[in-house]
Amino acid sequence: MSKGKELAKIMRKSYEVVIGKREDGFIVTDKQILVKMDGDQFREFFSKYNSYKSTVDIPFEFEGLISSAKDRPFTEANMNLDIIFNQLSEADKEVEFTDYAKLLDSGITARVYKAGEELGLIKEKYKFLFEMGDEYRTEGRKNSIFILNEGEIRAVLMPINNGDSSVREELKSLLGLKSDKKLAQTA
C-alpha cells in the first residue's frame, strides 16, 4: 500500500484532519502525526481519504480543517504549520526505535523508542512513517519526534504520554518485573 493510501486509512478515523499547502507540497495532520507529501502522494491520500468520508466530496484545492462534525465538515483557513517546523531546532536528542512493543491497557500496541537516556512509546500503527526518514530527532520523550530525510522534515509524530517514569521503571514495566533485583538479573 502506498504511503498516501496508508495515511488515509489511518486518518479516516480521526475526528479532525488539517490540510495545509506549502511551496514544496502539502502537509496533512490529525494532531497525532503530521506528514509532508509531494503532489503525487497527496493525490493518492486525497482520493482514498475522500472515498472514506460520507460527507460531500472534499474540494481538491481545499486548505483548512476537515471535521467529523455534521454541521460544519469543512473550515477553510491558512494554517501556520511553521510553528511545528520551527521546533526542530530544539530537537537535540537522537531517537532510536527498538524492536520492542508493548500492549497498553487501552488495547493499543505501542513501539518503544529511546531518546537520550529516556524511553518513550509511540503507536505501532505509525511505524510505516520510519521508512520516510534516515534521521530521527526529539527534544525529549514527551516532545514531537521529527522524521528527517537528508536533513529535511518528512513527518512529525507525537509520542504516547506514559507518565514520568524513569528508564529503570519503564524497563521493569515492560519486562513485567516488580523489583530492581530481577532487573539486575536480566541485564
Protein backbone atom coordinates (compact mmCIF):
# COMPACT_ATOMS: atom_id res chain seq x y z
CA MET A 1 0.00 0.00 0.00
CA SER A 2 1.34 3.45 -0.86
CA LYS A 3 2.17 5.99 1.86
CA GLY A 4 -0.70 8.23 0.76
CA LYS A 5 -3.26 5.43 0.92
CA GLU A 6 -1.90 4.09 4.22
CA LEU A 7 -2.08 7.56 5.72
CA ALA A 8 -5.69 7.97 4.53
CA LYS A 9 -6.59 4.62 6.10
CA ILE A 10 -5.20 5.76 9.47
CA MET A 11 -6.62 9.29 9.35
CA ARG A 12 -10.12 8.24 8.31
CA LYS A 13 -10.92 7.60 11.98
CA SER A 14 -9.59 10.97 13.13
CA TYR A 15 -12.15 13.50 14.31
CA GLU A 16 -10.26 16.36 12.68
CA VAL A 17 -7.75 16.47 9.83
CA VAL A 18 -5.89 19.60 8.77
CA ILE A 19 -4.60 20.09 5.23
CA GLY A 20 -2.06 22.80 4.51
CA LYS A 21 -0.19 23.80 1.37
CA ARG A 22 3.47 24.68 1.15
CA GLU A 23 5.53 25.71 -1.83
CA ASP A 24 7.11 22.24 -1.93
CA GLY A 25 3.99 20.13 -1.38
CA PHE A 26 1.22 19.50 1.11
CA ILE A 27 1.03 18.98 4.87
CA VAL A 28 -1.61 16.69 6.38
CA THR A 29 -2.08 16.29 10.14
CA ASP A 30 -4.57 14.82 12.57
CA LYS A 31 -2.76 16.25 15.63
CA GLN A 32 -1.05 12.89 16.29
CA ILE A 33 1.03 12.79 13.14
CA LEU A 34 1.99 15.35 10.54
CA VAL A 35 3.17 14.25 7.12
CA LYS A 36 4.70 16.28 4.33
CA MET A 37 3.75 14.96 0.88
CA ASP A 38 4.58 15.77 -2.70
CA GLY A 39 1.79 16.19 -5.26
CA ASP A 40 1.53 12.51 -6.24
CA GLN A 41 1.47 11.27 -2.63
CA PHE A 42 -1.15 13.88 -1.75
CA ARG A 43 -3.36 12.89 -4.71
CA GLU A 44 -3.26 9.26 -3.52
CA PHE A 45 -4.05 10.33 0.04
CA PHE A 46 -6.79 12.72 -1.03
CA SER A 47 -8.51 10.24 -3.33
CA LYS A 48 -8.54 7.47 -0.70
CA TYR A 49 -9.46 9.79 2.20
CA ASN A 50 -12.32 11.30 0.19
CA SER A 51 -13.66 7.80 -0.53
CA TYR A 52 -13.79 7.05 3.23
CA LYS A 53 -15.79 10.15 4.10
CA SER A 54 -19.57 10.07 3.85
CA THR A 55 -19.78 13.84 3.55
CA VAL A 56 -19.91 15.65 0.23
CA ASP A 57 -16.73 15.43 -1.80
CA ILE A 58 -13.88 17.45 -0.38
CA PRO A 59 -12.66 20.02 -2.92
CA PHE A 60 -9.12 19.15 -4.09
CA GLU A 61 -7.88 22.71 -3.60
CA PHE A 62 -9.21 22.75 -0.03
CA GLU A 63 -6.91 24.07 2.69
CA GLY A 64 -8.03 24.01 6.31
CA LEU A 65 -9.85 21.75 8.76
CA ILE A 66 -11.96 18.71 7.85
CA SER A 67 -14.14 17.74 10.79
CA SER A 68 -16.44 14.84 11.56
CA ALA A 69 -18.96 17.37 12.91
CA LYS A 70 -22.04 17.12 10.72
CA ASP A 71 -22.93 20.82 10.93
CA ARG A 72 -19.51 22.07 9.73
CA PRO A 73 -17.47 19.46 7.89
CA PHE A 74 -15.08 22.00 6.30
CA THR A 75 -13.49 25.10 7.74
CA GLU A 76 -11.22 26.84 5.27
CA ALA A 77 -8.16 28.51 6.74
CA ASN A 78 -4.50 29.04 6.05
CA MET A 79 -2.69 27.06 8.72
CA ASN A 80 0.59 28.32 10.13
CA LEU A 81 2.32 24.97 10.34
CA ASP A 82 5.74 26.64 10.55
CA ILE A 83 5.28 26.72 14.33
CA ILE A 84 5.76 22.96 14.33
CA PHE A 85 8.67 23.01 11.88
CA ASN A 86 10.49 25.64 13.95
CA GLN A 87 10.60 23.23 16.92
CA LEU A 88 13.21 21.16 15.08
CA SER A 89 15.95 23.47 16.33
CA GLU A 90 15.20 22.29 19.91
CA ALA A 91 15.25 18.60 18.97
CA ASP A 92 18.77 17.77 20.09
CA LYS A 93 18.36 14.08 21.00
CA GLU A 94 18.67 11.28 18.51
CA VAL A 95 15.78 8.83 18.53
CA GLU A 96 16.44 5.11 18.23
CA PHE A 97 13.44 2.89 17.53
CA THR A 98 13.61 -0.54 19.12
CA ASP A 99 12.11 -3.87 18.11
CA TYR A 100 10.16 -3.95 21.38
CA ALA A 101 6.45 -3.36 21.57
CA LYS A 102 4.05 -3.18 24.48
CA LEU A 103 0.31 -3.81 24.60
CA LEU A 104 -1.18 -0.99 26.64
CA ASP A 105 -4.21 -1.34 28.91
CA SER A 106 -6.20 0.61 26.31
CA GLY A 107 -5.58 -2.17 23.78
CA ILE A 108 -3.18 -0.06 21.70
CA THR A 109 0.11 -1.64 20.69
CA ALA A 110 2.99 0.75 21.30
CA ARG A 111 6.56 0.67 19.98
CA VAL A 112 9.38 1.52 22.41
CA TYR A 113 11.96 4.12 21.42
CA LYS A 114 14.99 5.62 23.12
CA ALA A 115 15.69 9.37 23.21
CA GLY A 116 18.92 10.09 25.02
CA GLU A 117 18.61 8.30 28.37
CA GLU A 118 14.81 8.17 28.23
CA LEU A 119 12.42 5.58 26.84
CA GLY A 120 9.18 6.54 25.18
CA LEU A 121 6.27 4.96 23.35
CA ILE A 122 4.64 5.62 20.00
CA LYS A 123 1.64 3.92 18.45
CA GLU A 124 2.72 0.87 16.47
CA LYS A 125 0.40 1.75 13.58
CA TYR A 126 2.65 4.72 12.75
CA LYS A 127 5.82 2.69 12.23
CA PHE A 128 5.44 2.95 8.44
CA LEU A 129 6.48 6.59 8.86
CA PHE A 130 10.00 5.47 9.88
CA GLU A 131 10.62 4.48 6.26
CA MET A 132 10.26 8.12 5.25
CA GLY A 133 13.42 9.15 7.07
CA ASP A 134 17.07 8.49 7.66
CA GLU A 135 17.34 10.52 10.88
CA TYR A 136 15.00 10.85 13.87
CA ARG A 137 15.22 13.65 16.47
CA THR A 138 13.33 14.91 19.52
CA GLU A 139 13.75 17.29 22.43
CA GLY A 140 12.64 14.60 24.88
CA ARG A 141 10.30 11.66 25.26
CA LYS A 142 7.25 13.91 25.76
CA ASN A 143 8.02 16.01 22.67
CA SER A 144 7.39 15.58 18.97
CA ILE A 145 9.60 13.16 17.05
CA PHE A 146 10.90 14.63 13.81
CA ILE A 147 11.42 12.19 10.96
CA LEU A 148 14.04 13.68 8.64
CA ASN A 149 15.31 12.65 5.25
CA GLU A 150 18.57 14.29 4.18
CA GLY A 151 18.02 16.91 6.90
CA GLU A 152 14.51 17.86 5.72
CA ILE A 153 11.38 17.17 7.79
CA ARG A 154 9.23 14.46 6.20
CA ALA A 155 6.95 13.71 9.16
CA VAL A 156 6.32 14.61 12.79
CA LEU A 157 4.99 12.10 15.29
CA MET A 158 3.59 12.67 18.78
CA PRO A 159 4.59 10.09 21.40
CA ILE A 160 2.19 8.43 23.81
CA ASN A 161 2.26 10.20 27.17
CA ASN A 162 3.04 7.39 29.56
CA GLY A 163 3.81 9.31 32.74
CA ASP A 164 7.05 10.41 34.32
CA SER A 165 8.70 7.07 34.99
CA SER A 166 12.44 6.64 34.62
CA VAL A 167 14.18 4.26 32.23
CA ARG A 168 14.51 1.76 35.08
CA GLU A 169 10.77 1.97 35.83
CA GLU A 170 9.92 1.67 32.13
CA LEU A 171 12.10 -1.42 31.77
CA LYS A 172 10.57 -3.00 34.87
CA SER A 173 7.12 -2.32 33.45
CA LEU A 174 8.00 -3.65 30.00
CA LEU A 175 9.55 -6.80 31.43
CA GLY A 176 6.73 -7.28 33.95
CA LEU A 177 9.12 -7.08 36.91
CA LYS A 178 8.31 -5.78 40.38
CA SER A 179 11.78 -5.39 41.90
CA ASP A 180 15.13 -3.93 40.86
CA LYS A 181 16.87 -7.21 41.81
CA LYS A 182 15.18 -9.06 38.97
CA LEU A 183 16.02 -6.18 36.63
CA ALA A 184 19.71 -6.53 37.50
CA GLN A 185 19.49 -10.27 36.83
CA THR A 186 18.01 -9.71 33.37
CA ALA A 187 20.59 -7.09 32.35
